[in-house]
Amino acid sequence: MPGVLAAGAGLGALHGMVVSILLVWVIAERHPLQEFQGADFAIGLSHFIGHVAYGTVIGLVVGLASL
């Protein structure tokens, strides 16, 4: 159970880092709508935290389902 939970959180963190970096550095600079061009550190951090939380919940569900 703890291994699956840690794997879910780890994969969520890895995916969250990639998405946050791409969102803040690449997508925001090239976005055609003005209101989405201002993505900053706080936006990237909120996406990162959301990905970690989602991965943790998925790990918890998978871990509990295997019991």
PDB file of N, CA and C in Angstrom:
ATOM      1  N   MET A   1       0.814  -1.208   0.000  1.00  0.00           N
ATOM      2  CA  MET A   1       0.000   0.000   0.000  1.00  0.00           C
ATOM      3  C   MET A   1       0.855   1.269   0.000  1.00  0.00           C
ATOM      4  N   PRO A   2       1.849   1.401   0.901  1.00  0.00           N
ATOM      5  CA  PRO A   2       2.642   2.642   0.866  1.00  0.00           C
ATOM      6  C   PRO A   2       3.441   2.806  -0.425  1.00  0.00           C
ATOM      7  N   GLY A   3       3.853   1.697  -1.018  1.00  0.00           N
ATOM      8  CA  GLY A   3       4.605   1.788  -2.272  1.00  0.00           C
ATOM      9  C   GLY A   3       3.768   2.319  -3.417  1.00  0.00           C
ATOM     10  N   VAL A   4       2.529   1.858  -3.487  1.00  0.00           N
ATOM     11  CA  VAL A   4       1.627   2.317  -4.543  1.00  0.00           C
ATOM     12  C   VAL A   4       1.272   3.783  -4.334  1.00  0.00           C
ATOM     13  N   LEU A   5       1.066   4.154  -3.095  1.00  0.00           N
ATOM     14  CA  LEU A   5       0.757   5.548  -2.774  1.00  0.00           C
ATOM     15  C   LEU A   5       1.928   6.463  -3.137  1.00  0.00           C
ATOM     16  N   ALA A   6       3.145   6.027  -2.805  1.00  0.00           N
ATOM     17  CA  ALA A   6       4.336   6.815  -3.137  1.00  0.00           C
ATOM     18  C   ALA A   6       4.556   6.874  -4.645  1.00  0.00           C
ATOM     19  N   ALA A   7       4.280   5.780  -5.331  1.00  0.00           N
ATOM     20  CA  ALA A   7       4.423   5.778  -6.788  1.00  0.00           C
ATOM     21  C   ALA A   7       3.439   6.741  -7.432  1.00  0.00           C
ATOM     22  N   GLY A   8       2.209   6.761  -6.943  1.00  0.00           N
ATOM     23  CA  GLY A   8       1.219   7.699  -7.479  1.00  0.00           C
ATOM     24  C   GLY A   8       1.622   9.141  -7.248  1.00  0.00           C
ATOM     25  N   ALA A   9       2.099   9.435  -6.032  1.00  0.00           N
ATOM     26  CA  ALA A   9       2.544  10.799  -5.730  1.00  0.00           C
ATOM     27  C   ALA A   9       3.779  11.164  -6.550  1.00  0.00           C
ATOM     28  N   GLY A  10       4.687  10.218  -6.717  1.00  0.00           N
ATOM     29  CA  GLY A  10       5.901  10.470  -7.501  1.00  0.00           C
ATOM     30  C   GLY A  10       5.608  10.716  -8.965  1.00  0.00           C
ATOM     31  N   LEU A  11       4.740   9.894  -9.536  1.00  0.00           N
ATOM     32  CA  LEU A  11       4.372  10.102 -10.935  1.00  0.00           C
ATOM     33  C   LEU A  11       3.589  11.402 -11.116  1.00  0.00           C
ATOM     34  N   GLY A  12       2.750  11.728 -10.137  1.00  0.00           N
ATOM     35  CA  GLY A  12       2.044  13.007 -10.194  1.00  0.00           C
ATOM     36  C   GLY A  12       3.004  14.183 -10.121  1.00  0.00           C
ATOM     37  N   ALA A  13       4.034  14.060  -9.277  1.00  0.00           N
ATOM     38  CA  ALA A  13       5.034  15.126  -9.161  1.00  0.00           C
ATOM     39  C   ALA A  13       5.840  15.266 -10.451  1.00  0.00           C
ATOM     40  N   LEU A  14       6.241  14.143 -11.028  1.00  0.00           N
ATOM     41  CA  LEU A  14       7.000  14.187 -12.277  1.00  0.00           C
ATOM     42  C   LEU A  14       6.174  14.813 -13.397  1.00  0.00           C
ATOM     43  N   HIS A  15       4.947  14.362 -13.539  1.00  0.00           N
ATOM     44  CA  HIS A  15       4.075  14.914 -14.581  1.00  0.00           C
ATOM     45  C   HIS A  15       3.755  16.375 -14.295  1.00  0.00           C
ATOM     46  N   GLY A  16       3.560  16.706 -13.012  1.00  0.00           N
ATOM     47  CA  GLY A  16       3.275  18.088 -12.641  1.00  0.00           C
ATOM     48  C   GLY A  16       4.421  19.026 -12.963  1.00  0.00           C
ATOM     49  N   MET A  17       5.665  18.566 -12.759  1.00  0.00           N
ATOM     50  CA  MET A  17       6.828  19.401 -13.094  1.00  0.00           C
ATOM     51  C   MET A  17       6.877  19.685 -14.589  1.00  0.00           C
ATOM     52  N   VAL A  18       6.675  18.638 -15.382  1.00  0.00           N
ATOM     53  CA  VAL A  18       6.731  18.808 -16.835  1.00  0.00           C
ATOM     54  C   VAL A  18       5.627  19.751 -17.310  1.00  0.00           C
ATOM     55  N   VAL A  19       4.420  19.534 -16.839  1.00  0.00           N
ATOM     56  CA  VAL A  19       3.295  20.369 -17.262  1.00  0.00           C
ATOM     57  C   VAL A  19       3.474  21.808 -16.795  1.00  0.00           C
ATOM     58  N   SER A  20       3.931  22.007 -15.565  1.00  0.00           N
ATOM     59  CA  SER A  20       4.116  23.362 -15.044  1.00  0.00           C
ATOM     60  C   SER A  20       5.186  24.121 -15.811  1.00  0.00           C
ATOM     61  N   ILE A  21       6.288  23.454 -16.109  1.00  0.00           N
ATOM     62  CA  ILE A  21       7.358  24.114 -16.867  1.00  0.00           C
ATOM     63  C   ILE A  21       6.873  24.465 -18.267  1.00  0.00           C
ATOM     64  N   LEU A  22       6.205  23.524 -18.914  1.00  0.00           N
ATOM     65  CA  LEU A  22       5.695  23.814 -20.249  1.00  0.00           C
ATOM     66  C   LEU A  22       4.650  24.913 -20.226  1.00  0.00           C
ATOM     67  N   LEU A  23       3.789  24.900 -19.218  1.00  0.00           N
ATOM     68  CA  LEU A  23       2.733  25.908 -19.126  1.00  0.00           C
ATOM     69  C   LEU A  23       3.306  27.305 -18.959  1.00  0.00           C
ATOM     70  N   VAL A  24       4.245  27.461 -18.042  1.00  0.00           N
ATOM     71  CA  VAL A  24       4.764  28.786 -17.730  1.00  0.00           C
ATOM     72  C   VAL A  24       5.751  29.275 -18.787  1.00  0.00           C
ATOM     73  N   TRP A  25       6.628  28.406 -19.276  1.00  0.00           N
ATOM     74  CA  TRP A  25       7.685  28.859 -20.176  1.00  0.00           C
ATOM     75  C   TRP A  25       7.300  28.827 -21.650  1.00  0.00           C
ATOM     76  N   VAL A  26       6.518  27.860 -22.050  1.00  0.00           N
ATOM     77  CA  VAL A  26       6.274  27.685 -23.481  1.00  0.00           C
ATOM     78  C   VAL A  26       4.869  28.128 -23.876  1.00  0.00           C
ATOM     79  N   ILE A  27       3.870  27.566 -23.245  1.00  0.00           N
ATOM     80  CA  ILE A  27       2.495  27.798 -23.679  1.00  0.00           C
ATOM     81  C   ILE A  27       2.055  29.233 -23.436  1.00  0.00           C
ATOM     82  N   ALA A  28       2.382  29.784 -22.265  1.00  0.00           N
ATOM     83  CA  ALA A  28       1.927  31.143 -21.941  1.00  0.00           C
ATOM     84  C   ALA A  28       2.508  32.179 -22.898  1.00  0.00           C
ATOM     85  N   GLU A  29       3.743  31.984 -23.327  1.00  0.00           N
ATOM     86  CA  GLU A  29       4.362  32.955 -24.235  1.00  0.00           C
ATOM     87  C   GLU A  29       3.717  32.957 -25.613  1.00  0.00           C
ATOM     88  N   ARG A  30       3.224  31.802 -26.040  1.00  0.00           N
ATOM     89  CA  ARG A  30       2.700  31.679 -27.399  1.00  0.00           C
ATOM     90  C   ARG A  30       1.173  31.615 -27.467  1.00  0.00           C
ATOM     91  N   HIS A  31       0.508  31.775 -26.352  1.00  0.00           N
ATOM     92  CA  HIS A  31      -0.954  31.634 -26.343  1.00  0.00           C
ATOM     93  C   HIS A  31      -1.590  32.818 -27.058  1.00  0.00           C
ATOM     94  N   PRO A  32      -2.586  32.564 -27.920  1.00  0.00           N
ATOM     95  CA  PRO A  32      -3.179  33.656 -28.695  1.00  0.00           C
ATOM     96  C   PRO A  32      -4.085  34.579 -27.878  1.00  0.00           C
ATOM     97  N   LEU A  33      -4.623  34.116 -26.754  1.00  0.00           N
ATOM     98  CA  LEU A  33      -5.500  34.964 -25.943  1.00  0.00           C
ATOM     99  C   LEU A  33      -4.690  35.709 -24.883  1.00  0.00           C
ATOM    100  N   GLN A  34      -4.934  36.986 -24.759  1.00  0.00           N
ATOM    101  CA  GLN A  34      -4.166  37.848 -23.864  1.00  0.00           C
ATOM    102  C   GLN A  34      -4.256  37.402 -22.407  1.00  0.00           C
ATOM    103  N   GLU A  35      -5.433  36.962 -21.946  1.00  0.00           N
ATOM    104  CA  GLU A  35      -5.592  36.632 -20.522  1.00  0.00           C
ATOM    105  C   GLU A  35      -4.818  35.382 -20.116  1.00  0.00           C
ATOM    106  N   PHE A  36      -4.406  34.542 -21.071  1.00  0.00           N
ATOM    107  CA  PHE A  36      -3.643  33.340 -20.744  1.00  0.00           C
ATOM    108  C   PHE A  36      -2.139  33.532 -20.941  1.00  0.00           C
ATOM    109  N   GLN A  37      -1.715  34.701 -21.369  1.00  0.00           N
ATOM    110  CA  GLN A  37      -0.295  34.959 -21.571  1.00  0.00           C
ATOM    111  C   GLN A  37       0.414  35.349 -20.286  1.00  0.00           C
ATOM    112  N   GLY A  38      -0.310  35.587 -19.219  1.00  0.00           N
ATOM    113  CA  GLY A  38       0.296  36.042 -17.976  1.00  0.00           C
ATOM    114  C   GLY A  38       0.523  34.939 -16.957  1.00  0.00           C
ATOM    115  N   ALA A  39       0.723  33.701 -17.390  1.00  0.00           N
ATOM    116  CA  ALA A  39       0.957  32.608 -16.447  1.00  0.00           C
ATOM    117  C   ALA A  39       2.289  32.840 -15.750  1.00  0.00           C
ATOM    118  N   ASP A  40       2.268  32.787 -14.415  1.00  0.00           N
ATOM    119  CA  ASP A  40       3.482  33.036 -13.648  1.00  0.00           C
ATOM    120  C   ASP A  40       3.756  31.857 -12.724  1.00  0.00           C
ATOM    121  N   PHE A  41       4.651  32.055 -11.766  1.00  0.00           N
ATOM    122  CA  PHE A  41       5.053  30.994 -10.842  1.00  0.00           C
ATOM    123  C   PHE A  41       3.876  30.447 -10.051  1.00  0.00           C
ATOM    124  N   ALA A  42       2.959  31.301  -9.633  1.00  0.00           N
ATOM    125  CA  ALA A  42       1.812  30.852  -8.835  1.00  0.00           C
ATOM    126  C   ALA A  42       0.910  29.916  -9.644  1.00  0.00           C
ATOM    127  N   ILE A  43       0.724  30.195 -10.903  1.00  0.00           N
ATOM    128  CA  ILE A  43      -0.079  29.326 -11.761  1.00  0.00           C
ATOM    129  C   ILE A  43       0.612  27.982 -11.931  1.00  0.00           C
ATOM    130  N   GLY A  44       1.904  27.999 -12.192  1.00  0.00           N
ATOM    131  CA  GLY A  44       2.658  26.758 -12.337  1.00  0.00           C
ATOM    132  C   GLY A  44       2.659  25.948 -11.056  1.00  0.00           C
ATOM    133  N   LEU A  45       2.789  26.617  -9.919  1.00  0.00           N
ATOM    134  CA  LEU A  45       2.791  25.924  -8.630  1.00  0.00           C
ATOM    135  C   LEU A  45       1.434  25.292  -8.348  1.00  0.00           C
ATOM    136  N   SER A  46       0.362  25.984  -8.677  1.00  0.00           N
ATOM    137  CA  SER A  46      -0.968  25.407  -8.443  1.00  0.00           C
ATOM    138  C   SER A  46      -1.196  24.181  -9.322  1.00  0.00           C
ATOM    139  N   HIS A  47      -0.710  24.201 -10.560  1.00  0.00           N
ATOM    140  CA  HIS A  47      -0.822  23.020 -11.410  1.00  0.00           C
ATOM    141  C   HIS A  47       0.023  21.867 -10.856  1.00  0.00           C
ATOM    142  N   PHE A  48       1.212  22.172 -10.362  1.00  0.00           N
ATOM    143  CA  PHE A  48       2.078  21.148  -9.780  1.00  0.00           C
ATOM    144  C   PHE A  48       1.405  20.503  -8.568  1.00  0.00           C
ATOM    145  N   ILE A  49       0.883  21.303  -7.671  1.00  0.00           N
ATOM    146  CA  ILE A  49       0.216  20.780  -6.469  1.00  0.00           C
ATOM    147  C   ILE A  49      -1.003  19.950  -6.851  1.00  0.00           C
ATOM    148  N   GLY A  50      -1.742  20.394  -7.846  1.00  0.00           N
ATOM    149  CA  GLY A  50      -2.900  19.636  -8.310  1.00  0.00           C
ATOM    150  C   GLY A  50      -2.512  18.279  -8.879  1.00  0.00           C
ATOM    151  N   HIS A  51      -1.413  18.220  -9.627  1.00  0.00           N
ATOM    152  CA  HIS A  51      -0.958  16.948 -10.176  1.00  0.00           C
ATOM    153  C   HIS A  51      -0.480  15.998  -9.072  1.00  0.00           C
ATOM    154  N   VAL A  52       0.206  16.524  -8.085  1.00  0.00           N
ATOM    155  CA  VAL A  52       0.659  15.677  -6.977  1.00  0.00           C
ATOM    156  C   VAL A  52      -0.542  15.148  -6.193  1.00  0.00           C
ATOM    157  N   ALA A  53      -1.518  16.007  -5.930  1.00  0.00           N
ATOM    158  CA  ALA A  53      -2.709  15.573  -5.203  1.00  0.00           C
ATOM    159  C   ALA A  53      -3.468  14.511  -5.996  1.00  0.00           C
ATOM    160  N   TYR A  54      -3.624  14.715  -7.290  1.00  0.00           N
ATOM    161  CA  TYR A  54      -4.327  13.742  -8.124  1.00  0.00           C
ATOM    162  C   TYR A  54      -3.586  12.406  -8.146  1.00  0.00           C
ATOM    163  N   GLY A  55      -2.261  12.437  -8.311  1.00  0.00           N
ATOM    164  CA  GLY A  55      -1.476  11.207  -8.305  1.00  0.00           C
ATOM    165  C   GLY A  55      -1.564  10.483  -6.975  1.00  0.00           C
ATOM    166  N   THR A  56      -1.589  11.230  -5.884  1.00  0.00           N
ATOM    167  CA  THR A  56      -1.713  10.628  -4.558  1.00  0.00           C
ATOM    168  C   THR A  56      -3.066   9.943  -4.400  1.00  0.00           C
ATOM    169  N   VAL A  57      -4.124  10.582  -4.842  1.00  0.00           N
ATOM    170  CA  VAL A  57      -5.461   9.983  -4.747  1.00  0.00           C
ATOM    171  C   VAL A  57      -5.546   8.725  -5.614  1.00  0.00           C
ATOM    172  N   ILE A  58      -5.006   8.774  -6.810  1.00  0.00           N
ATOM    173  CA  ILE A  58      -5.009   7.597  -7.684  1.00  0.00           C
ATOM    174  C   ILE A  58      -4.209   6.468  -7.033  1.00  0.00           C
ATOM    175  N   GLY A  59      -3.050   6.772  -6.449  1.00  0.00           N
ATOM    176  CA  GLY A  59      -2.279   5.751  -5.732  1.00  0.00           C
ATOM    177  C   GLY A  59      -3.042   5.177  -4.562  1.00  0.00           C
ATOM    178  N   LEU A  60      -3.761   6.009  -3.845  1.00  0.00           N
ATOM    179  CA  LEU A  60      -4.566   5.552  -2.724  1.00  0.00           C
ATOM    180  C   LEU A  60      -5.692   4.621  -3.188  1.00  0.00           C
ATOM    181  N   VAL A  61      -6.371   4.992  -4.254  1.00  0.00           N
ATOM    182  CA  VAL A  61      -7.463   4.166  -4.785  1.00  0.00           C
ATOM    183  C   VAL A  61      -6.931   2.824  -5.275  1.00  0.00           C
ATOM    184  N   VAL A  62      -5.834   2.838  -6.026  1.00  0.00           N
ATOM    185  CA  VAL A  62      -5.265   1.599  -6.528  1.00  0.00           C
ATOM    186  C   VAL A  62      -4.761   0.730  -5.374  1.00  0.00           C
ATOM    187  N   GLY A  63      -4.141   1.361  -4.377  1.00  0.00           N
ATOM    188  CA  GLY A  63      -3.659   0.619  -3.219  1.00  0.00           C
ATOM    189  C   GLY A  63      -4.791  -0.013  -2.426  1.00  0.00           C
ATOM    190  N   LEU A  64      -5.878   0.716  -2.247  1.00  0.00           N
ATOM    191  CA  LEU A  64      -7.018   0.165  -1.510  1.00  0.00           C
ATOM    192  C   LEU A  64      -7.744  -0.905  -2.329  1.00  0.00           C
ATOM    193  N   ALA A  65      -7.771  -0.765  -3.639  1.00  0.00           N
ATOM    194  CA  ALA A  65      -8.435  -1.749  -4.473  1.00  0.00           C
ATOM    195  C   ALA A  65      -7.698  -3.079  -4.480  1.00  0.00           C
ATOM    196  N   SER A  66      -6.390  -3.037  -4.263  1.00  0.00           N
ATOM    197  CA  SER A  66      -5.611  -4.279  -4.288  1.00  0.00           C
ATOM    198  C   SER A  66      -5.666  -5.026  -2.951  1.00  0.00           C
ATOM    199  N   LEU A  67      -6.244  -4.419  -1.934  1.00  0.00           N
ATOM    200  CA  LEU A  67      -6.351  -5.097  -0.639  1.00  0.00           C
ATOM    201  C   LEU A  67      -7.395  -6.113  -0.658  1.00  0.00           C
TER     202      LEU A  67
END
